Amino acid sequence: MIAQHMMAFFWGVCLLTLGWMTYGEASVPENLDKSIDELKVYYIKDDRELHNAHPVFLRFLKDIKVNLEEPEQNLLMSIIMDTYSRIFTRMQKDSQDEATKERLGHVQEHLKKLQENYFPGKSAELKTYAETLWAIKEDDPVVQHKALFELKRVYREATQLRNLKNKERRRRQAKITKSKSLNRS
């Protein structure tokens, strides 16, 4: 009995240590952290505007793990990284201070590496598709008629995607179940 408690304690300490190591890996590198802090000092003089209950990016991250699957999470994160890059590019162009431009460039390099290494994808292409779809004029009778004409095909495509997703999920579940039954044997 004591051996079981000792073993449980040992594994608890191991998991806690592993959690700390994972958190450490996921933290912001020291030189990037310093650049971000220096940019905050330069740009943020009045922080009342920061606390108006309308975050820019954090609202998307709030429920990301709960509401989205991993591919969707990666796509959203890639789009967020791309948006940050565009913001910092604009800030760099508008800045008169060379040191600030360098810091912004440094931050952008880190974001670019992060995006390339962890969130590769076609976010720019998807953004173009999304913008094109958002620009569709819903009140145009020709658009309405074309949409009605195309609906059955679009509906079939959406159903096929859903079925493919369900098929993948069933395949993964079967694999997990098989693995569990083999481990019990």
Protein backbone atom coordinates (compact mmCIF):
# COMPACT_ATOMS: atom_id res chain seq x y z
CA MET A 1 0.00 0.00 0.00
CA ILE A 2 2.79 2.41 0.91
CA ALA A 3 4.59 1.50 -2.32
CA GLN A 4 1.48 2.48 -4.30
CA HIS A 5 1.30 5.83 -2.53
CA MET A 6 4.99 6.44 -3.13
CA MET A 7 4.59 5.56 -6.80
CA ALA A 8 1.57 7.88 -7.12
CA PHE A 9 3.55 10.66 -5.42
CA PHE A 10 6.52 10.05 -7.74
CA TRP A 11 4.34 10.23 -10.88
CA GLY A 12 2.61 13.34 -9.56
CA VAL A 13 5.97 15.08 -9.13
CA CYS A 14 7.00 13.93 -12.64
CA LEU A 15 3.82 15.30 -14.19
CA LEU A 16 4.15 18.57 -12.30
CA THR A 17 7.75 18.94 -13.49
CA LEU A 18 6.74 18.09 -17.04
CA GLY A 19 4.00 20.73 -16.84
CA TRP A 20 6.53 23.34 -15.74
CA MET A 21 8.88 22.36 -18.56
CA THR A 22 6.05 22.58 -21.11
CA TYR A 23 5.05 26.00 -19.79
CA GLY A 24 8.68 27.11 -20.03
CA GLU A 25 8.87 26.00 -23.66
CA ALA A 26 5.66 27.83 -24.47
CA SER A 27 6.79 31.11 -22.94
CA VAL A 28 8.04 34.16 -24.79
CA PRO A 29 11.83 34.20 -25.46
CA GLU A 30 13.67 36.69 -23.26
CA ASN A 31 14.88 38.96 -26.09
CA LEU A 32 11.38 39.06 -27.62
CA ASP A 33 9.87 39.76 -24.21
CA LYS A 34 12.24 42.70 -23.79
CA SER A 35 11.38 44.11 -27.24
CA ILE A 36 7.65 43.84 -26.56
CA ASP A 37 8.03 45.58 -23.18
CA GLU A 38 10.05 48.40 -24.79
CA LEU A 39 7.41 48.81 -27.50
CA LYS A 40 4.70 48.96 -24.84
CA VAL A 41 6.57 51.73 -23.04
CA TYR A 42 6.97 53.64 -26.31
CA TYR A 43 3.39 53.26 -27.57
CA ILE A 44 1.14 52.89 -24.53
CA LYS A 45 0.99 56.14 -22.60
CA ASP A 46 -2.58 55.83 -21.34
CA ASP A 47 -3.71 52.31 -20.56
CA ARG A 48 -7.38 53.18 -19.97
CA GLU A 49 -8.07 52.37 -23.63
CA LEU A 50 -6.66 48.88 -23.09
CA HIS A 51 -9.19 48.01 -20.42
CA ASN A 52 -12.44 48.87 -22.16
CA ALA A 53 -13.70 45.25 -22.25
CA HIS A 54 -13.19 45.01 -26.04
CA PRO A 55 -10.03 42.96 -26.64
CA VAL A 56 -8.75 42.63 -30.19
CA PHE A 57 -7.32 39.10 -30.21
CA LEU A 58 -8.00 37.63 -26.79
CA ARG A 59 -11.71 37.25 -27.55
CA PHE A 60 -10.77 34.76 -30.28
CA LEU A 61 -8.43 32.83 -28.02
CA LYS A 62 -10.87 32.69 -25.12
CA ASP A 63 -12.74 29.59 -26.27
CA ILE A 64 -10.38 28.36 -29.01
CA LYS A 65 -9.61 25.00 -27.38
CA VAL A 66 -13.23 24.35 -26.52
CA ASN A 67 -15.00 25.33 -29.74
CA LEU A 68 -12.48 24.46 -32.44
CA GLU A 69 -10.63 21.34 -33.46
CA GLU A 70 -6.86 21.38 -33.96
CA PRO A 71 -6.82 22.19 -37.71
CA GLU A 72 -9.25 25.05 -37.10
CA GLN A 73 -7.19 26.26 -34.13
CA ASN A 74 -4.07 26.28 -36.29
CA LEU A 75 -5.84 28.16 -39.07
CA LEU A 76 -7.18 30.77 -36.67
CA MET A 77 -3.76 31.17 -35.03
CA SER A 78 -2.14 31.56 -38.46
CA ILE A 79 -4.64 34.28 -39.35
CA ILE A 80 -3.98 36.02 -36.02
CA MET A 81 -0.20 35.89 -36.65
CA ASP A 82 -0.77 37.32 -40.14
CA THR A 83 -2.90 40.12 -38.70
CA TYR A 84 -0.20 40.96 -36.15
CA SER A 85 2.33 41.09 -38.96
CA ARG A 86 0.19 43.56 -40.91
CA ILE A 87 -0.31 45.72 -37.80
CA PHE A 88 3.41 45.83 -37.04
CA THR A 89 4.27 46.54 -40.68
CA ARG A 90 1.94 49.57 -40.53
CA MET A 91 3.41 50.69 -37.22
CA GLN A 92 6.93 50.36 -38.68
CA LYS A 93 6.01 52.52 -41.68
CA ASP A 94 4.39 55.16 -39.46
CA SER A 95 7.19 55.31 -36.88
CA GLN A 96 9.81 58.07 -37.00
CA ASP A 97 12.02 56.43 -34.37
CA GLU A 98 14.69 54.06 -35.77
CA ALA A 99 15.03 52.07 -32.54
CA THR A 100 11.29 51.48 -32.51
CA LYS A 101 11.38 50.36 -36.15
CA GLU A 102 14.12 47.88 -35.26
CA ARG A 103 12.14 46.51 -32.31
CA LEU A 104 9.04 46.13 -34.48
CA GLY A 105 11.14 44.31 -37.08
CA HIS A 106 12.55 42.05 -34.36
CA VAL A 107 9.06 41.19 -33.13
CA GLN A 108 7.92 40.52 -36.70
CA GLU A 109 10.84 38.13 -37.27
CA HIS A 110 9.76 36.11 -34.24
CA LEU A 111 6.13 36.08 -35.36
CA LYS A 112 7.14 35.00 -38.87
CA LYS A 113 9.27 32.13 -37.52
CA LEU A 114 6.46 31.06 -35.22
CA GLN A 115 3.94 31.11 -38.04
CA GLU A 116 6.21 29.25 -40.46
CA ASN A 117 7.21 26.57 -37.95
CA TYR A 118 3.98 25.96 -36.09
CA PHE A 119 1.12 27.29 -38.17
CA PRO A 120 1.97 26.72 -41.83
CA GLY A 121 -0.94 26.98 -44.15
CA LYS A 122 -2.85 28.99 -46.61
CA SER A 123 -4.22 31.72 -44.38
CA ALA A 124 -3.65 34.45 -47.00
CA GLU A 125 -5.52 32.44 -49.62
CA LEU A 126 -8.35 31.68 -47.20
CA LYS A 127 -8.52 35.33 -46.20
CA THR A 128 -8.97 36.27 -49.86
CA TYR A 129 -11.81 33.74 -50.19
CA ALA A 130 -13.44 35.05 -47.02
CA GLU A 131 -13.20 38.68 -48.14
CA THR A 132 -14.72 37.77 -51.50
CA LEU A 133 -17.59 35.98 -49.79
CA TRP A 134 -18.17 38.86 -47.35
CA ALA A 135 -18.31 41.29 -50.28
CA ILE A 136 -21.25 39.46 -51.89
CA LYS A 137 -24.25 41.77 -52.12
CA GLU A 138 -27.11 39.89 -50.45
CA ASP A 139 -29.70 42.40 -51.69
CA ASP A 140 -28.80 41.96 -55.38
CA PRO A 141 -31.58 39.94 -57.12
CA VAL A 142 -29.10 38.39 -59.59
CA VAL A 143 -26.92 37.19 -56.68
CA GLN A 144 -29.99 35.83 -54.92
CA HIS A 145 -31.07 33.90 -58.05
CA LYS A 146 -27.57 32.50 -58.63
CA ALA A 147 -27.32 31.49 -54.97
CA LEU A 148 -30.61 29.63 -55.24
CA PHE A 149 -29.47 27.96 -58.47
CA GLU A 150 -26.18 26.80 -56.88
CA LEU A 151 -27.59 25.81 -53.47
CA LYS A 152 -28.06 22.06 -54.10
CA ARG A 153 -24.47 21.58 -55.22
CA VAL A 154 -23.09 23.65 -52.33
CA TYR A 155 -25.29 21.72 -49.91
CA ARG A 156 -24.03 18.38 -51.27
CA GLU A 157 -20.40 19.55 -50.95
CA ALA A 158 -20.99 20.65 -47.35
CA THR A 159 -22.62 17.30 -46.56
CA GLN A 160 -19.68 15.42 -48.07
CA LEU A 161 -17.24 17.41 -45.94
CA ARG A 162 -19.29 16.68 -42.84
CA ASN A 163 -19.46 12.98 -43.70
CA LEU A 164 -15.69 12.88 -44.28
CA LYS A 165 -15.14 14.52 -40.91
CA ASN A 166 -17.45 12.02 -39.20
CA LYS A 167 -15.74 9.12 -40.99
CA GLU A 168 -12.33 10.34 -39.77
CA ARG A 169 -13.67 10.69 -36.23
CA ARG A 170 -15.10 7.14 -36.31
CA ARG A 171 -11.77 5.83 -37.67
CA ARG A 172 -9.84 7.52 -34.86
CA GLN A 173 -12.29 6.21 -32.24
CA ALA A 174 -11.98 2.68 -33.63
CA LYS A 175 -8.20 2.95 -33.50
CA ILE A 176 -8.31 4.15 -29.88
CA THR A 177 -10.75 1.40 -28.90
CA LYS A 178 -8.58 -1.23 -30.59
CA SER A 179 -5.49 0.13 -28.87
CA LYS A 180 -7.20 0.04 -25.46
CA SER A 181 -8.38 -3.53 -25.97
CA LEU A 182 -4.85 -4.62 -26.98
CA ASN A 183 -3.38 -2.95 -23.89
CA ARG A 184 -5.79 -4.83 -21.63
CA SER A 185 -4.76 -8.18 -23.10
